[in-house]
C-alpha atoms as a PDB file:
ATOM      1  CA  ARG A   1     210.875  61.495 100.671  1.00  0.00           C
ATOM      2  CA  ILE A   2     207.718  59.730 101.699  1.00  0.00           C
ATOM      3  CA  THR A   3     205.852  59.853  98.402  1.00  0.00           C
ATOM      4  CA  PRO A   4     206.618  61.619  95.152  1.00  0.00           C
ATOM      5  CA  GLY A   5     205.489  65.217  95.414  1.00  0.00           C
ATOM      6  CA  LEU A   6     205.106  65.099  99.204  1.00  0.00           C
ATOM      7  CA  ASP A   7     208.013  66.307 101.307  1.00  0.00           C
ATOM      8  CA  ARG A   8     208.462  65.986 105.052  1.00  0.00           C
ATOM      9  CA  ARG A   9     206.915  69.393 105.761  1.00  0.00           C
ATOM     10  CA  GLY A  10     203.886  68.603 103.574  1.00  0.00           C
ATOM     11  CA  PHE A  11     203.436  65.247 105.297  1.00  0.00           C
ATOM     12  CA  LEU A  12     203.576  66.829 108.751  1.00  0.00           C
ATOM     13  CA  ARG A  13     201.238  69.642 107.738  1.00  0.00           C
ATOM     14  CA  GLY A  14     198.755  67.100 106.309  1.00  0.00           C
ATOM     15  CA  SER A  15     199.047  64.830 109.350  1.00  0.00           C
ATOM     16  CA  VAL A  16     198.468  67.677 111.778  1.00  0.00           C
ATOM     17  CA  GLY A  17     195.498  68.832 109.695  1.00  0.00           C
ATOM     18  CA  GLY A  18     194.046  65.321 109.657  1.00  0.00           C
ATOM     19  CA  VAL A  19     194.469  64.879 113.392  1.00  0.00           C
ATOM     20  CA  ALA A  20     192.953  68.316 114.006  1.00  0.00           C
ATOM     21  CA  ALA A  21     189.965  67.498 111.770  1.00  0.00           C
ATOM     22  CA  ALA A  22     189.411  64.184 113.546  1.00  0.00           C
ATOM     23  CA  ALA A  23     189.559  65.972 116.893  1.00  0.00           C
ATOM     24  CA  VAL A  24     187.073  68.603 115.712  1.00  0.00           C
ATOM     25  CA  ALA A  25     184.740  65.934 114.319  1.00  0.00           C
ATOM     26  CA  SER A  26     184.811  63.955 117.566  1.00  0.00           C
ATOM     27  CA  ALA A  27     184.007  67.100 119.570  1.00  0.00           C
ATOM     28  CA  LEU A  28     180.998  68.054 117.438  1.00  0.00           C
ATOM     29  CA  PRO A  29     177.579  67.664 119.029  1.00  0.00           C
ATOM     30  CA  ALA A  30     175.801  64.420 118.249  1.00  0.00           C
ATOM     31  CA  GLY A  31     172.417  66.040 117.741  1.00  0.00           C
ATOM     32  CA  CYS A  32     169.062  64.855 118.970  1.00  0.00           C
ATOM     33  CA  ALA A  33     166.896  62.519 116.948  1.00  0.00           C
ATOM     34  CA  ARG A  34     164.238  65.229 116.782  1.00  0.00           C
ATOM     35  CA  ASP A  35     166.798  67.465 115.046  1.00  0.00           C
ATOM     36  CA  TYR A  36     167.332  64.812 112.363  1.00  0.00           C
ATOM     37  CA  PRO A  37     163.996  63.088 111.655  1.00  0.00           C
ATOM     38  CA  GLN A  38     164.812  62.185 108.024  1.00  0.00           C
ATOM     39  CA  ALA A  39     165.598  58.505 108.607  1.00  0.00           C
ATOM     40  CA  GLY A  40     162.359  58.024 110.542  1.00  0.00           C
ATOM     41  CA  GLU A  41     160.347  59.905 107.925  1.00  0.00           C
ATOM     42  CA  ASP A  42     161.920  57.786 105.182  1.00  0.00           C
ATOM     43  CA  GLY A  43     161.220  54.563 107.079  1.00  0.00           C
ATOM     44  CA  VAL A  44     164.891  53.561 106.980  1.00  0.00           C
ATOM     45  CA  THR A  45     166.484  51.204 109.464  1.00  0.00           C
ATOM     46  CA  LEU A  46     170.064  52.389 109.885  1.00  0.00           C
ATOM     47  CA  HIS A  47     172.929  49.912 110.188  1.00  0.00           C
ATOM     48  CA  ALA A  48     176.096  52.043 110.166  1.00  0.00           C
ATOM     49  CA  LEU A  49     175.112  55.696 110.252  1.00  0.00           C
ATOM     50  CA  THR A  50     173.398  57.706 112.959  1.00  0.00           C
ATOM     51  CA  ALA A  51     170.224  59.635 112.166  1.00  0.00           C
ATOM     52  CA  LYS A  52     172.337  62.789 111.905  1.00  0.00           C
ATOM     53  CA  GLU A  53     174.835  61.221 109.477  1.00  0.00           C
ATOM     54  CA  TYR A  54     172.013  59.806 107.372  1.00  0.00           C
ATOM     55  CA  ALA A  55     170.451  63.282 107.210  1.00  0.00           C
ATOM     56  CA  VAL A  56     173.742  64.795 106.012  1.00  0.00           C
ATOM     57  CA  ALA A  57     174.163  62.111 103.321  1.00  0.00           C
ATOM     58  CA  ARG A  58     170.580  62.642 102.197  1.00  0.00           C
ATOM     59  CA  ALA A  59     171.012  66.436 102.136  1.00  0.00           C
ATOM     60  CA  ALA A  60     174.176  66.071 100.056  1.00  0.00           C
ATOM     61  CA  ALA A  61     172.310  63.811  97.620  1.00  0.00           C
ATOM     62  CA  GLU A  62     169.506  66.395  97.361  1.00  0.00           C
ATOM     63  CA  ALA A  63     172.066  69.060  96.450  1.00  0.00           C
ATOM     64  CA  LEU A  64     174.232  67.000  94.098  1.00  0.00           C
ATOM     65  CA  LEU A  65     171.532  65.066  92.230  1.00  0.00           C
ATOM     66  CA  VAL A  66     169.282  67.836  90.930  1.00  0.00           C
ATOM     67  CA  GLY A  67     167.589  66.503  87.793  1.00  0.00           C
ATOM     68  CA  VAL A  68     168.720  62.912  88.386  1.00  0.00           C
ATOM     69  CA  PRO A  69     165.719  60.565  88.771  1.00  0.00           C
ATOM     70  CA  VAL A  70     166.920  58.978  92.005  1.00  0.00           C
ATOM     71  CA  ALA A  71     165.439  59.632  95.435  1.00  0.00           C
ATOM     72  CA  PRO A  72     168.033  61.066  97.847  1.00  0.00           C
ATOM     73  CA  ARG A  73     166.722  58.696 100.544  1.00  0.00           C
ATOM     74  CA  ASP A  74     167.695  55.740  98.336  1.00  0.00           C
ATOM     75  CA  VAL A  75     171.226  57.068  97.957  1.00  0.00           C
ATOM     76  CA  ALA A  76     171.617  57.773 101.683  1.00  0.00           C
ATOM     77  CA  GLY A  77     170.199  54.332 102.492  1.00  0.00           C
ATOM     78  CA  ALA A  78     172.642  52.679 100.087  1.00  0.00           C
ATOM     79  CA  ILE A  79     175.552  54.562 101.673  1.00  0.00           C
ATOM     80  CA  ASP A  80     174.445  53.325 105.113  1.00  0.00           C
ATOM     81  CA  ALA A  81     174.116  49.730 103.892  1.00  0.00           C
ATOM     82  CA  GLU A  82     177.500  49.783 102.162  1.00  0.00           C
ATOM     83  CA  LEU A  83     179.283  51.235 105.179  1.00  0.00           C
ATOM     84  CA  ALA A  84     177.743  48.512 107.359  1.00  0.00           C
ATOM     85  CA  ILE A  85     179.259  45.904 105.028  1.00  0.00           C
ATOM     86  CA  ALA A  86     182.609  47.655 104.496  1.00  0.00           C
ATOM     87  CA  GLY A  87     183.275  48.213 108.190  1.00  0.00           C
ATOM     88  CA  GLU A  88     186.354  49.961 109.523  1.00  0.00           C
ATOM     89  CA  PRO A  89     188.224  52.152 108.680  1.00  0.00           C
ATOM     90  CA  MET A  90     185.927  53.236 105.835  1.00  0.00           C
ATOM     91  CA  ARG A  91     182.918  53.614 108.135  1.00  0.00           C
ATOM     92  CA  SER A  92     184.658  55.861 110.675  1.00  0.00           C
ATOM     93  CA  ASP A  93     186.287  57.932 107.916  1.00  0.00           C
ATOM     94  CA  MET A  94     182.944  58.592 106.227  1.00  0.00           C
ATOM     95  CA  LYS A  95     181.307  59.354 109.565  1.00  0.00           C
ATOM     96  CA  THR A  96     184.050  61.963 110.161  1.00  0.00           C
ATOM     97  CA  VAL A  97     183.444  63.456 106.712  1.00  0.00           C
ATOM     98  CA  LEU A  98     179.700  63.693 107.320  1.00  0.00           C
ATOM     99  CA  GLY A  99     180.253  65.372 110.704  1.00  0.00           C
ATOM    100  CA  LEU A 100     182.654  67.920 109.234  1.00  0.00           C
ATOM    101  CA  ILE A 101     180.335  68.704 106.313  1.00  0.00           C
ATOM    102  CA  GLU A 102     177.398  69.197 108.712  1.00  0.00           C
ATOM    103  CA  HIS A 103     179.099  71.566 111.126  1.00  0.00           C
ATOM    104  CA  LEU A 104     181.833  73.417 109.237  1.00  0.00           C
ATOM    105  CA  THR A 105     179.516  75.379 106.956  1.00  0.00           C
ATOM    106  CA  PHE A 106     180.850  78.596 108.466  1.00  0.00           C
ATOM    107  CA  LEU A 107     183.978  78.001 106.363  1.00  0.00           C
ATOM    108  CA  GLY A 108     181.767  78.739 103.365  1.00  0.00           C
ATOM    109  CA  GLY A 109     180.133  81.768 104.974  1.00  0.00           C
ATOM    110  CA  HIS A 110     176.960  80.030 106.185  1.00  0.00           C
ATOM    111  CA  GLY A 111     175.651  80.442 109.715  1.00  0.00           C
ATOM    112  CA  ARG A 112     173.553  77.274 109.846  1.00  0.00           C
ATOM    113  CA  ARG A 113     174.201  73.535 109.714  1.00  0.00           C
ATOM    114  CA  PHE A 114     174.484  71.877 106.299  1.00  0.00           C
ATOM    115  CA  THR A 115     171.151  70.074 106.666  1.00  0.00           C
ATOM    116  CA  ALA A 116     169.408  73.383 107.488  1.00  0.00           C
ATOM    117  CA  LEU A 117     170.578  75.052 104.257  1.00  0.00           C
ATOM    118  CA  SER A 118     168.567  75.140 101.033  1.00  0.00           C
ATOM    119  CA  PRO A 119     169.694  72.688  98.337  1.00  0.00           C
ATOM    120  CA  ALA A 120     171.251  75.572  96.353  1.00  0.00           C
ATOM    121  CA  ALA A 121     173.178  76.779  99.413  1.00  0.00           C
ATOM    122  CA  ARG A 122     174.284  73.200 100.125  1.00  0.00           C
ATOM    123  CA  LEU A 123     175.616  72.881  96.596  1.00  0.00           C
ATOM    124  CA  ALA A 124     177.465  76.190  96.923  1.00  0.00           C
ATOM    125  CA  ASN A 125     178.915  75.031 100.232  1.00  0.00           C
ATOM    126  CA  LEU A 126     180.054  71.730  98.717  1.00  0.00           C
ATOM    127  CA  ARG A 127     181.627  73.560  95.773  1.00  0.00           C
ATOM    128  CA  GLY A 128     183.613  75.581  98.294  1.00  0.00           C
ATOM    129  CA  TRP A 129     184.896  72.338  99.781  1.00  0.00           C
ATOM    130  CA  SER A 130     185.795  71.039  96.315  1.00  0.00           C
ATOM    131  CA  ARG A 131     187.896  74.139  95.554  1.00  0.00           C
ATOM    132  CA  SER A 132     189.478  74.574  98.961  1.00  0.00           C
ATOM    133  CA  ARG A 133     193.201  75.140  99.223  1.00  0.00           C
ATOM    134  CA  PHE A 134     193.232  72.579 102.042  1.00  0.00           C
ATOM    135  CA  ASN A 135     193.733  68.985 100.946  1.00  0.00           C
ATOM    136  CA  LEU A 136     191.571  67.682 103.765  1.00  0.00           C
ATOM    137  CA  ARG A 137     188.521  69.690 102.701  1.00  0.00           C
ATOM    138  CA  ARG A 138     188.963  68.668  99.057  1.00  0.00           C
ATOM    139  CA  ALA A 139     189.390  65.021 100.066  1.00  0.00           C
ATOM    140  CA  ALA A 140     186.277  65.135 102.257  1.00  0.00           C
ATOM    141  CA  TYR A 141     184.295  66.587  99.357  1.00  0.00           C
ATOM    142  CA  GLN A 142     185.635  63.975  96.943  1.00  0.00           C
ATOM    143  CA  ALA A 143     184.707  61.146  99.309  1.00  0.00           C
ATOM    144  CA  LEU A 144     181.144  62.365  99.798  1.00  0.00           C
ATOM    145  CA  HIS A 145     180.708  63.324  96.146  1.00  0.00           C
ATOM    146  CA  GLY A 146     182.027  59.938  95.006  1.00  0.00           C
ATOM    147  CA  PHE A 147     179.718  58.002  97.317  1.00  0.00           C
ATOM    148  CA  VAL A 148     176.648  60.015  96.334  1.00  0.00           C
ATOM    149  CA  LEU A 149     177.276  59.783  92.589  1.00  0.00           C
ATOM    150  CA  TYR A 150     178.199  56.102  92.673  1.00  0.00           C
ATOM    151  CA  PHE A 151     175.090  55.081  94.583  1.00  0.00           C
ATOM    152  CA  ALA A 152     172.917  57.242  92.334  1.00  0.00           C
ATOM    153  CA  TRP A 153     174.283  56.097  88.985  1.00  0.00           C
ATOM    154  CA  ILE A 154     174.231  52.353  89.758  1.00  0.00           C
ATOM    155  CA  ARG A 155     170.461  52.474  90.131  1.00  0.00           C
ATOM    156  CA  ASP A 156     168.190  51.295  87.333  1.00  0.00           C
ATOM    157  CA  GLU A 157     166.441  54.688  87.191  1.00  0.00           C
ATOM    158  CA  THR A 158     169.555  56.284  85.670  1.00  0.00           C
ATOM    159  CA  ARG A 159     169.968  53.835  82.786  1.00  0.00           C
ATOM    160  CA  ALA A 160     167.934  55.999  80.400  1.00  0.00           C
ATOM    161  CA  ILE A 161     170.266  58.930  81.070  1.00  0.00           C
ATOM    162  CA  SER A 162     173.549  57.022  80.992  1.00  0.00           C
ATOM    163  CA  GLY A 163     172.650  54.675  78.148  1.00  0.00           C
ATOM    164  CA  PHE A 164     173.830  51.698  80.204  1.00  0.00           C
ATOM    165  CA  ALA A 165     171.957  48.647  78.977  1.00  0.00           C
ATOM    166  CA  GLY A 166     172.589  46.743  82.173  1.00  0.00           C
ATOM    167  CA  PRO A 167     174.999  44.015  83.210  1.00  0.00           C
ATOM    168  CA  TRP A 168     175.538  41.276  80.678  1.00  0.00           C
ATOM    169  CA  PRO A 169     173.531  38.601  82.569  1.00  0.00           C
ATOM    170  CA  GLU A 170     170.462  40.796  82.015  1.00  0.00           C
ATOM    171  CA  ARG A 171     171.156  41.095  78.279  1.00  0.00           C
ATOM    172  CA  LEU A 172     172.392  37.635  77.357  1.00  0.00           C
ATOM    173  CA  SER A 173     171.046  34.211  78.000  1.00  0.00           C
ATOM    174  CA  ILE A 174     173.834  31.669  78.216  1.00  0.00           C
ATOM    175  CA  PRO A 175     172.423  28.197  78.702  1.00  0.00           C
ATOM    176  CA  ALA A 176     174.033  26.048  81.319  1.00  0.00           C
ATOM    177  CA  ALA A 177     175.623  22.899  79.926  1.00  0.00           C
ATOM    178  CA  PRO A 178     177.070  19.988  81.833  1.00  0.00           C
ATOM    179  CA  VAL A 179     180.824  19.684  81.722  1.00  0.00           C
ATOM    180  CA  ASP A 180     182.541  16.296  81.844  1.00  0.00           C
ATOM    181  CA  PHE A 181     185.855  16.659  83.627  1.00  0.00           C
ATOM    182  CA  GLY A 182     186.598  12.985  83.207  1.00  0.00           C
ATOM    183  CA  GLU A 183     187.541  10.650  85.965  1.00  0.00           C
ATOM    184  CA  ILE A 184     188.839  12.309  89.076  1.00  0.00           C
ATOM    185  CA  ALA A 185     191.430  10.339  90.957  1.00  0.00           C
END
């Protein structure tokens, strides 16, 4: 056994599915900048994501953050900045997720790309991914959902909703005091 609850057949099925998804994602069209103007409209300089990937992250934030006082462009920009810092393999994995979410909307019965759907249709599409019987689709949803929610809820604008008073350095003032370590030999 490889891991508890995962037999050889399950491992092979998951591996083949993962390889197939990576192959599909690499074969997807890159898209022209004119098809994905969101980064330019938002005035964002991208460091890790392409304009297309930024647009997908922003569209996911628009769908998932209804009623949350955070601009989707801020969330998508934070995802880009974090992926630039984190590097590989996180960056390439998230880029694969964003490509799959953008182009595999037909799995949820939609005939257009994810970014071309209305926010309600995007949310319905993402819910389909979250409930899929395929581990890969559920994992892709969880990755995107986790990134979007994390980068939304760490922002100051959400403190009134969450009740988070802020990190302790903002709440407490601890005066610095010199410390005498004695003679150092």
